[in-house]
Amino acid sequence: MSVARTCPICFRRENKRYNFGSEHAAEKAFHKEKWCDCTYESAQEMMLDQDMGFEDPTWIPIAKEFLYEYHNSLNSGLITNKEEQVRFFLKLLKSCANSSRKSIELIPIKENEKWEYILDGKTERKLKCDIFTNDNPYI
């Protein structure tokens, strides 16, 4: 099976695919290499610069997988009404988190935590670099 390489800092995927056969150690080492030009020293630094609203960088691969699968499924025409769409949305979100060995839990907000209205996906300031270049078409 061939796989695309993913940057361990910004989670950008390379457009090429590589086949390692049964050499699992070589494949793991290959994915730990920093190959992209994101210029960040750590995934946490990347999250601060990208203005995502979360501190945990694991949210990026979860969101990417979720959006890719969600759009593919909606475009297939198998989901025909809003009830199915809500059910599918929640199950897929849980599944995408589980595939990253995480779980999603709602917790009460802290008293000093303020509300933040999200109007669009634009940032308030210029970013250090764009981590979404050369990626899948849905994000």
N, C-alpha and C. Protein backbone atom coordinates (compact mmCIF):
# COMPACT_ATOMS: atom_id res chain seq x y z
N MET A 1 0.84 -1.17 0.00
CA MET A 1 0.00 0.00 0.00
C MET A 1 0.89 1.24 0.00
N SER A 2 0.55 2.22 -0.83
CA SER A 2 1.34 3.44 -0.86
C SER A 2 0.70 4.50 0.04
N VAL A 3 1.53 5.37 0.60
CA VAL A 3 1.06 6.40 1.51
C VAL A 3 1.68 7.74 1.14
N ALA A 4 0.96 8.81 1.45
CA ALA A 4 1.50 10.16 1.27
C ALA A 4 2.18 10.57 2.57
N ARG A 5 3.29 11.27 2.46
CA ARG A 5 4.02 11.71 3.65
C ARG A 5 3.32 12.93 4.24
N THR A 6 3.26 12.98 5.58
CA THR A 6 2.64 14.08 6.30
C THR A 6 3.67 14.74 7.20
N CYS A 7 3.72 16.07 7.19
CA CYS A 7 4.66 16.80 8.04
C CYS A 7 4.27 16.61 9.50
N PRO A 8 5.19 16.21 10.39
CA PRO A 8 4.85 16.01 11.80
C PRO A 8 4.59 17.31 12.56
N ILE A 9 4.86 18.46 11.95
CA ILE A 9 4.66 19.74 12.63
C ILE A 9 3.39 20.44 12.17
N CYS A 10 3.18 20.56 10.85
CA CYS A 10 2.01 21.30 10.36
C CYS A 10 0.97 20.38 9.72
N PHE A 11 1.25 19.10 9.61
CA PHE A 11 0.34 18.08 9.08
C PHE A 11 -0.01 18.29 7.61
N ARG A 12 0.81 19.03 6.89
CA ARG A 12 0.61 19.17 5.44
C ARG A 12 1.01 17.85 4.78
N ARG A 13 0.28 17.47 3.74
CA ARG A 13 0.60 16.23 3.03
C ARG A 13 1.35 16.53 1.75
N GLU A 14 2.30 15.67 1.45
CA GLU A 14 3.04 15.78 0.20
C GLU A 14 2.19 15.18 -0.92
N ASN A 15 2.29 15.73 -2.11
CA ASN A 15 1.48 15.24 -3.22
C ASN A 15 1.97 13.91 -3.77
N LYS A 16 3.15 13.47 -3.40
CA LYS A 16 3.68 12.19 -3.87
C LYS A 16 3.23 11.08 -2.93
N ARG A 17 3.23 9.86 -3.43
CA ARG A 17 2.92 8.69 -2.61
C ARG A 17 4.11 7.73 -2.67
N TYR A 18 4.38 7.05 -1.56
CA TYR A 18 5.52 6.17 -1.45
C TYR A 18 5.06 4.78 -1.02
N ASN A 19 5.76 3.77 -1.50
CA ASN A 19 5.43 2.40 -1.14
C ASN A 19 6.61 1.77 -0.41
N PHE A 20 6.38 1.28 0.80
CA PHE A 20 7.44 0.69 1.61
C PHE A 20 7.32 -0.82 1.72
N GLY A 21 6.29 -1.39 1.13
CA GLY A 21 6.09 -2.83 1.25
C GLY A 21 5.90 -3.21 2.70
N SER A 22 6.68 -4.17 3.17
CA SER A 22 6.54 -4.63 4.56
C SER A 22 7.56 -3.99 5.51
N GLU A 23 8.29 -3.00 5.06
CA GLU A 23 9.31 -2.34 5.88
C GLU A 23 8.66 -1.26 6.76
N HIS A 24 8.05 -1.68 7.87
CA HIS A 24 7.31 -0.76 8.73
C HIS A 24 8.22 0.22 9.47
N ALA A 25 9.40 -0.21 9.85
CA ALA A 25 10.33 0.69 10.54
C ALA A 25 10.76 1.83 9.61
N ALA A 26 11.02 1.52 8.36
CA ALA A 26 11.42 2.55 7.40
C ALA A 26 10.27 3.51 7.15
N GLU A 27 9.06 3.00 7.10
CA GLU A 27 7.89 3.87 6.90
C GLU A 27 7.69 4.82 8.08
N LYS A 28 7.84 4.32 9.32
CA LYS A 28 7.70 5.16 10.51
C LYS A 28 8.77 6.25 10.52
N ALA A 29 10.02 5.90 10.23
CA ALA A 29 11.11 6.88 10.21
C ALA A 29 10.87 7.92 9.12
N PHE A 30 10.36 7.48 8.00
CA PHE A 30 10.07 8.37 6.88
C PHE A 30 9.04 9.43 7.27
N HIS A 31 8.02 9.04 8.02
CA HIS A 31 6.97 9.98 8.41
C HIS A 31 7.41 10.93 9.52
N LYS A 32 8.47 10.61 10.24
CA LYS A 32 8.94 11.50 11.30
C LYS A 32 9.87 12.58 10.77
N GLU A 33 10.30 12.45 9.51
CA GLU A 33 11.20 13.45 8.91
C GLU A 33 10.46 14.77 8.69
N LYS A 34 11.17 15.87 8.91
CA LYS A 34 10.60 17.18 8.58
C LYS A 34 11.03 17.48 7.15
N TRP A 35 10.10 17.45 6.23
CA TRP A 35 10.42 17.62 4.81
C TRP A 35 9.82 18.90 4.22
N CYS A 36 8.81 19.48 4.88
CA CYS A 36 8.12 20.62 4.27
C CYS A 36 8.79 21.94 4.67
N ASP A 37 8.31 23.04 4.10
CA ASP A 37 8.91 24.35 4.34
C ASP A 37 8.08 25.20 5.29
N CYS A 38 7.44 24.59 6.29
CA CYS A 38 6.53 25.33 7.16
C CYS A 38 7.24 26.27 8.14
N THR A 39 8.49 26.14 8.37
CA THR A 39 9.35 27.00 9.22
C THR A 39 9.00 27.00 10.71
N TYR A 40 8.11 26.14 11.15
CA TYR A 40 7.79 26.06 12.57
C TYR A 40 8.72 25.07 13.26
N GLU A 41 9.03 25.34 14.52
CA GLU A 41 9.88 24.45 15.30
C GLU A 41 9.07 23.35 15.99
N SER A 42 7.78 23.60 16.22
CA SER A 42 6.95 22.60 16.89
C SER A 42 5.51 22.76 16.42
N ALA A 43 4.72 21.72 16.64
CA ALA A 43 3.31 21.76 16.28
C ALA A 43 2.56 22.79 17.13
N GLN A 44 2.99 22.98 18.37
CA GLN A 44 2.34 23.96 19.24
C GLN A 44 2.58 25.39 18.72
N GLU A 45 3.80 25.66 18.26
CA GLU A 45 4.10 26.97 17.67
C GLU A 45 3.23 27.20 16.43
N MET A 46 3.06 26.15 15.62
CA MET A 46 2.22 26.25 14.43
C MET A 46 0.78 26.59 14.80
N MET A 47 0.24 25.95 15.84
CA MET A 47 -1.14 26.19 16.25
C MET A 47 -1.33 27.63 16.72
N LEU A 48 -0.37 28.16 17.45
CA LEU A 48 -0.46 29.55 17.90
C LEU A 48 -0.46 30.51 16.71
N ASP A 49 0.39 30.25 15.74
CA ASP A 49 0.48 31.14 14.59
C ASP A 49 -0.75 31.03 13.68
N GLN A 50 -1.31 29.85 13.53
CA GLN A 50 -2.41 29.64 12.60
C GLN A 50 -3.75 30.14 13.11
N ASP A 51 -3.85 30.54 14.36
CA ASP A 51 -5.07 31.13 14.92
C ASP A 51 -6.26 30.18 14.75
N MET A 52 -6.10 28.95 15.24
CA MET A 52 -7.13 27.92 15.08
C MET A 52 -8.16 27.92 16.22
N GLY A 53 -7.82 28.50 17.36
CA GLY A 53 -8.73 28.46 18.49
C GLY A 53 -8.51 27.28 19.41
N PHE A 54 -7.60 26.39 19.06
CA PHE A 54 -7.27 25.23 19.88
C PHE A 54 -5.78 25.21 20.13
N GLU A 55 -5.37 24.58 21.23
CA GLU A 55 -3.95 24.45 21.51
C GLU A 55 -3.41 23.11 21.03
N ASP A 56 -4.24 22.07 21.05
CA ASP A 56 -3.79 20.73 20.69
C ASP A 56 -3.72 20.58 19.16
N PRO A 57 -2.52 20.36 18.60
CA PRO A 57 -2.38 20.25 17.15
C PRO A 57 -3.05 19.01 16.56
N THR A 58 -3.45 18.05 17.38
CA THR A 58 -4.12 16.85 16.87
C THR A 58 -5.44 17.20 16.19
N TRP A 59 -6.00 18.39 16.50
CA TRP A 59 -7.27 18.78 15.87
C TRP A 59 -7.14 18.93 14.36
N ILE A 60 -5.97 19.28 13.85
CA ILE A 60 -5.83 19.48 12.41
C ILE A 60 -6.02 18.18 11.63
N PRO A 61 -5.32 17.09 11.95
CA PRO A 61 -5.60 15.86 11.19
C PRO A 61 -7.02 15.34 11.41
N ILE A 62 -7.58 15.55 12.61
CA ILE A 62 -8.97 15.13 12.85
C ILE A 62 -9.90 15.92 11.93
N ALA A 63 -9.72 17.24 11.87
CA ALA A 63 -10.58 18.09 11.04
C ALA A 63 -10.40 17.77 9.56
N LYS A 64 -9.16 17.56 9.12
CA LYS A 64 -8.92 17.24 7.72
C LYS A 64 -9.60 15.93 7.32
N GLU A 65 -9.42 14.91 8.13
CA GLU A 65 -10.05 13.62 7.82
C GLU A 65 -11.57 13.75 7.82
N PHE A 66 -12.08 14.46 8.83
CA PHE A 66 -13.53 14.64 8.94
C PHE A 66 -14.09 15.34 7.70
N LEU A 67 -13.50 16.48 7.31
CA LEU A 67 -14.02 17.23 6.17
C LEU A 67 -13.95 16.43 4.88
N TYR A 68 -12.87 15.71 4.69
CA TYR A 68 -12.71 14.91 3.48
C TYR A 68 -13.80 13.83 3.40
N GLU A 69 -13.98 13.08 4.49
CA GLU A 69 -14.98 12.02 4.51
C GLU A 69 -16.40 12.59 4.45
N TYR A 70 -16.64 13.70 5.14
CA TYR A 70 -17.97 14.31 5.20
C TYR A 70 -18.41 14.78 3.82
N HIS A 71 -17.54 15.50 3.13
CA HIS A 71 -17.89 15.98 1.79
C HIS A 71 -18.06 14.83 0.81
N ASN A 72 -17.20 13.84 0.87
CA ASN A 72 -17.34 12.67 -0.01
C ASN A 72 -18.68 11.98 0.20
N SER A 73 -19.07 11.81 1.46
CA SER A 73 -20.32 11.12 1.76
C SER A 73 -21.54 11.95 1.34
N LEU A 74 -21.49 13.27 1.58
CA LEU A 74 -22.61 14.12 1.16
C LEU A 74 -22.74 14.14 -0.36
N ASN A 75 -21.62 14.15 -1.06
CA ASN A 75 -21.65 14.17 -2.52
C ASN A 75 -22.10 12.84 -3.12
N SER A 76 -22.05 11.76 -2.34
CA SER A 76 -22.47 10.46 -2.85
C SER A 76 -23.98 10.36 -3.01
N GLY A 77 -24.72 11.22 -2.31
CA GLY A 77 -26.18 11.20 -2.42
C GLY A 77 -26.86 10.16 -1.55
N LEU A 78 -26.12 9.44 -0.71
CA LEU A 78 -26.71 8.41 0.15
C LEU A 78 -27.44 9.01 1.35
N ILE A 79 -27.03 10.21 1.77
CA ILE A 79 -27.69 10.87 2.90
C ILE A 79 -28.80 11.74 2.32
N THR A 80 -30.05 11.42 2.68
CA THR A 80 -31.17 12.06 1.99
C THR A 80 -31.95 13.07 2.81
N ASN A 81 -31.76 13.12 4.13
CA ASN A 81 -32.51 14.10 4.92
C ASN A 81 -31.65 14.63 6.06
N LYS A 82 -32.17 15.66 6.75
CA LYS A 82 -31.41 16.33 7.80
C LYS A 82 -31.13 15.43 9.00
N GLU A 83 -32.07 14.56 9.34
CA GLU A 83 -31.86 13.66 10.49
C GLU A 83 -30.67 12.73 10.22
N GLU A 84 -30.60 12.17 9.00
CA GLU A 84 -29.47 11.31 8.65
C GLU A 84 -28.18 12.11 8.63
N GLN A 85 -28.26 13.36 8.18
CA GLN A 85 -27.06 14.20 8.11
C GLN A 85 -26.52 14.50 9.50
N VAL A 86 -27.39 14.83 10.45
CA VAL A 86 -26.95 15.10 11.82
C VAL A 86 -26.35 13.84 12.43
N ARG A 87 -27.02 12.71 12.26
CA ARG A 87 -26.54 11.45 12.82
C ARG A 87 -25.17 11.10 12.23
N PHE A 88 -25.06 11.23 10.90
CA PHE A 88 -23.80 10.94 10.22
C PHE A 88 -22.69 11.89 10.68
N PHE A 89 -23.00 13.18 10.78
CA PHE A 89 -22.04 14.19 11.22
C PHE A 89 -21.44 13.82 12.57
N LEU A 90 -22.29 13.51 13.55
CA LEU A 90 -21.80 13.22 14.90
C LEU A 90 -21.02 11.91 14.94
N LYS A 91 -21.51 10.88 14.25
CA LYS A 91 -20.78 9.60 14.25
C LYS A 91 -19.42 9.73 13.55
N LEU A 92 -19.40 10.48 12.45
CA LEU A 92 -18.14 10.65 11.73
C LEU A 92 -17.15 11.47 12.54
N LEU A 93 -17.63 12.52 13.22
CA LEU A 93 -16.75 13.33 14.07
C LEU A 93 -16.12 12.46 15.15
N LYS A 94 -16.92 11.62 15.80
CA LYS A 94 -16.41 10.71 16.83
C LYS A 94 -15.40 9.74 16.23
N SER A 95 -15.73 9.20 15.05
CA SER A 95 -14.85 8.24 14.39
C SER A 95 -13.50 8.86 14.02
N CYS A 96 -13.52 10.09 13.51
CA CYS A 96 -12.28 10.77 13.13
C CYS A 96 -11.40 11.04 14.35
N ALA A 97 -12.03 11.40 15.46
CA ALA A 97 -11.26 11.60 16.69
C ALA A 97 -10.68 10.28 17.17
N ASN A 98 -11.49 9.23 17.11
CA ASN A 98 -11.02 7.91 17.55
C ASN A 98 -9.85 7.42 16.71
N SER A 99 -9.86 7.73 15.41
CA SER A 99 -8.76 7.26 14.55
C SER A 99 -7.45 7.95 14.90
N SER A 100 -7.51 9.09 15.60
CA SER A 100 -6.30 9.75 16.10
C SER A 100 -6.02 9.36 17.55
N ARG A 101 -6.69 8.32 18.01
CA ARG A 101 -6.56 7.81 19.37
C ARG A 101 -6.94 8.88 20.40
N LYS A 102 -7.98 9.66 20.08
CA LYS A 102 -8.51 10.70 20.96
C LYS A 102 -10.01 10.49 21.08
N SER A 103 -10.62 11.17 22.05
CA SER A 103 -12.08 11.18 22.16
C SER A 103 -12.52 12.63 22.33
N ILE A 104 -13.74 12.90 21.92
CA ILE A 104 -14.28 14.25 22.02
C ILE A 104 -15.27 14.28 23.18
N GLU A 105 -15.11 15.28 24.04
CA GLU A 105 -15.96 15.38 25.22
C GLU A 105 -16.37 16.84 25.40
N LEU A 106 -17.64 17.07 25.68
CA LEU A 106 -18.08 18.42 26.01
C LEU A 106 -17.84 18.66 27.49
N ILE A 107 -17.19 19.78 27.80
CA ILE A 107 -16.95 20.12 29.20
C ILE A 107 -17.46 21.53 29.45
N PRO A 108 -17.90 21.83 30.66
CA PRO A 108 -18.38 23.19 30.93
C PRO A 108 -17.26 24.21 30.77
N ILE A 109 -17.60 25.40 30.26
CA ILE A 109 -16.56 26.43 30.10
C ILE A 109 -16.22 27.03 31.46
N LYS A 110 -15.02 27.56 31.54
CA LYS A 110 -14.58 28.21 32.78
C LYS A 110 -15.28 29.57 32.89
N GLU A 111 -15.42 30.06 34.09
CA GLU A 111 -16.13 31.33 34.31
C GLU A 111 -15.47 32.50 33.59
N ASN A 112 -14.14 32.51 33.54
CA ASN A 112 -13.46 33.65 32.92
C ASN A 112 -13.24 33.45 31.42
N GLU A 113 -13.73 32.34 30.86
CA GLU A 113 -13.57 32.10 29.43
C GLU A 113 -14.64 32.88 28.67
N LYS A 114 -14.21 33.64 27.67
CA LYS A 114 -15.17 34.51 26.97
C LYS A 114 -15.72 33.81 25.73
N TRP A 115 -16.87 34.28 25.30
CA TRP A 115 -17.49 33.79 24.06
C TRP A 115 -16.71 34.34 22.88
N GLU A 116 -16.62 33.54 21.86
CA GLU A 116 -15.95 34.00 20.65
C GLU A 116 -16.85 33.69 19.47
N TYR A 117 -17.27 34.73 18.76
CA TYR A 117 -18.11 34.53 17.59
C TYR A 117 -17.24 34.27 16.38
N ILE A 118 -17.55 33.23 15.64
CA ILE A 118 -16.79 32.87 14.45
C ILE A 118 -17.63 33.23 13.24
N LEU A 119 -17.15 34.17 12.45
CA LEU A 119 -17.90 34.59 11.27
C LEU A 119 -17.38 33.93 10.00
N ASP A 120 -16.09 33.65 9.94
CA ASP A 120 -15.49 33.02 8.77
C ASP A 120 -14.17 32.38 9.19
N GLY A 121 -13.48 31.81 8.24
CA GLY A 121 -12.22 31.13 8.55
C GLY A 121 -10.99 32.00 8.38
N LYS A 122 -11.18 33.30 8.20
CA LYS A 122 -10.03 34.19 7.97
C LYS A 122 -9.34 34.52 9.29
N THR A 123 -8.05 34.79 9.21
CA THR A 123 -7.29 35.16 10.40
C THR A 123 -7.28 36.67 10.56
N GLU A 124 -7.01 37.14 11.76
CA GLU A 124 -6.97 38.57 12.04
C GLU A 124 -5.64 39.19 11.65
N ARG A 125 -4.62 38.37 11.48
CA ARG A 125 -3.29 38.89 11.15
C ARG A 125 -2.64 38.01 10.09
N LYS A 126 -1.54 38.48 9.55
CA LYS A 126 -0.83 37.71 8.52
C LYS A 126 -0.11 36.53 9.19
N LEU A 127 -0.27 35.35 8.61
CA LEU A 127 0.34 34.15 9.16
C LEU A 127 1.78 34.01 8.69
N LYS A 128 2.54 33.26 9.46
CA LYS A 128 3.93 33.00 9.12
C LYS A 128 4.03 32.22 7.81
N CYS A 129 3.15 31.22 7.63
CA CYS A 129 3.10 30.46 6.38
C CYS A 129 1.73 29.81 6.24
N ASP A 130 1.41 29.37 5.04
CA ASP A 130 0.13 28.73 4.75
C ASP A 130 0.33 27.21 4.82
N ILE A 131 -0.28 26.57 5.81
CA ILE A 131 -0.08 25.13 5.98
C ILE A 131 -1.04 24.31 5.13
N PHE A 132 -1.94 24.95 4.38
CA PHE A 132 -2.94 24.21 3.62
C PHE A 132 -2.65 24.16 2.14
N THR A 133 -1.45 24.51 1.71
CA THR A 133 -1.10 24.38 0.30
C THR A 133 -0.83 22.91 -0.01
N ASN A 134 -1.06 22.54 -1.25
CA ASN A 134 -0.82 21.16 -1.72
C ASN A 134 -1.53 20.13 -0.85
N ASP A 135 -2.81 20.35 -0.57
CA ASP A 135 -3.54 19.44 0.29
C ASP A 135 -4.79 18.96 -0.44
N ASN A 136 -5.62 18.20 0.26
CA ASN A 136 -6.81 17.68 -0.41
C ASN A 136 -7.77 18.82 -0.74
N PRO A 137 -8.66 18.63 -1.72
CA PRO A 137 -9.47 19.73 -2.24
C PRO A 137 -10.53 20.28 -1.31
N TYR A 138 -10.86 19.60 -0.23
CA TYR A 138 -11.96 20.06 0.61
C TYR A 138 -11.53 21.04 1.68
N ILE A 139 -10.22 21.22 1.90
CA ILE A 139 -9.79 22.16 2.93
C ILE A 139 -8.58 22.93 2.47
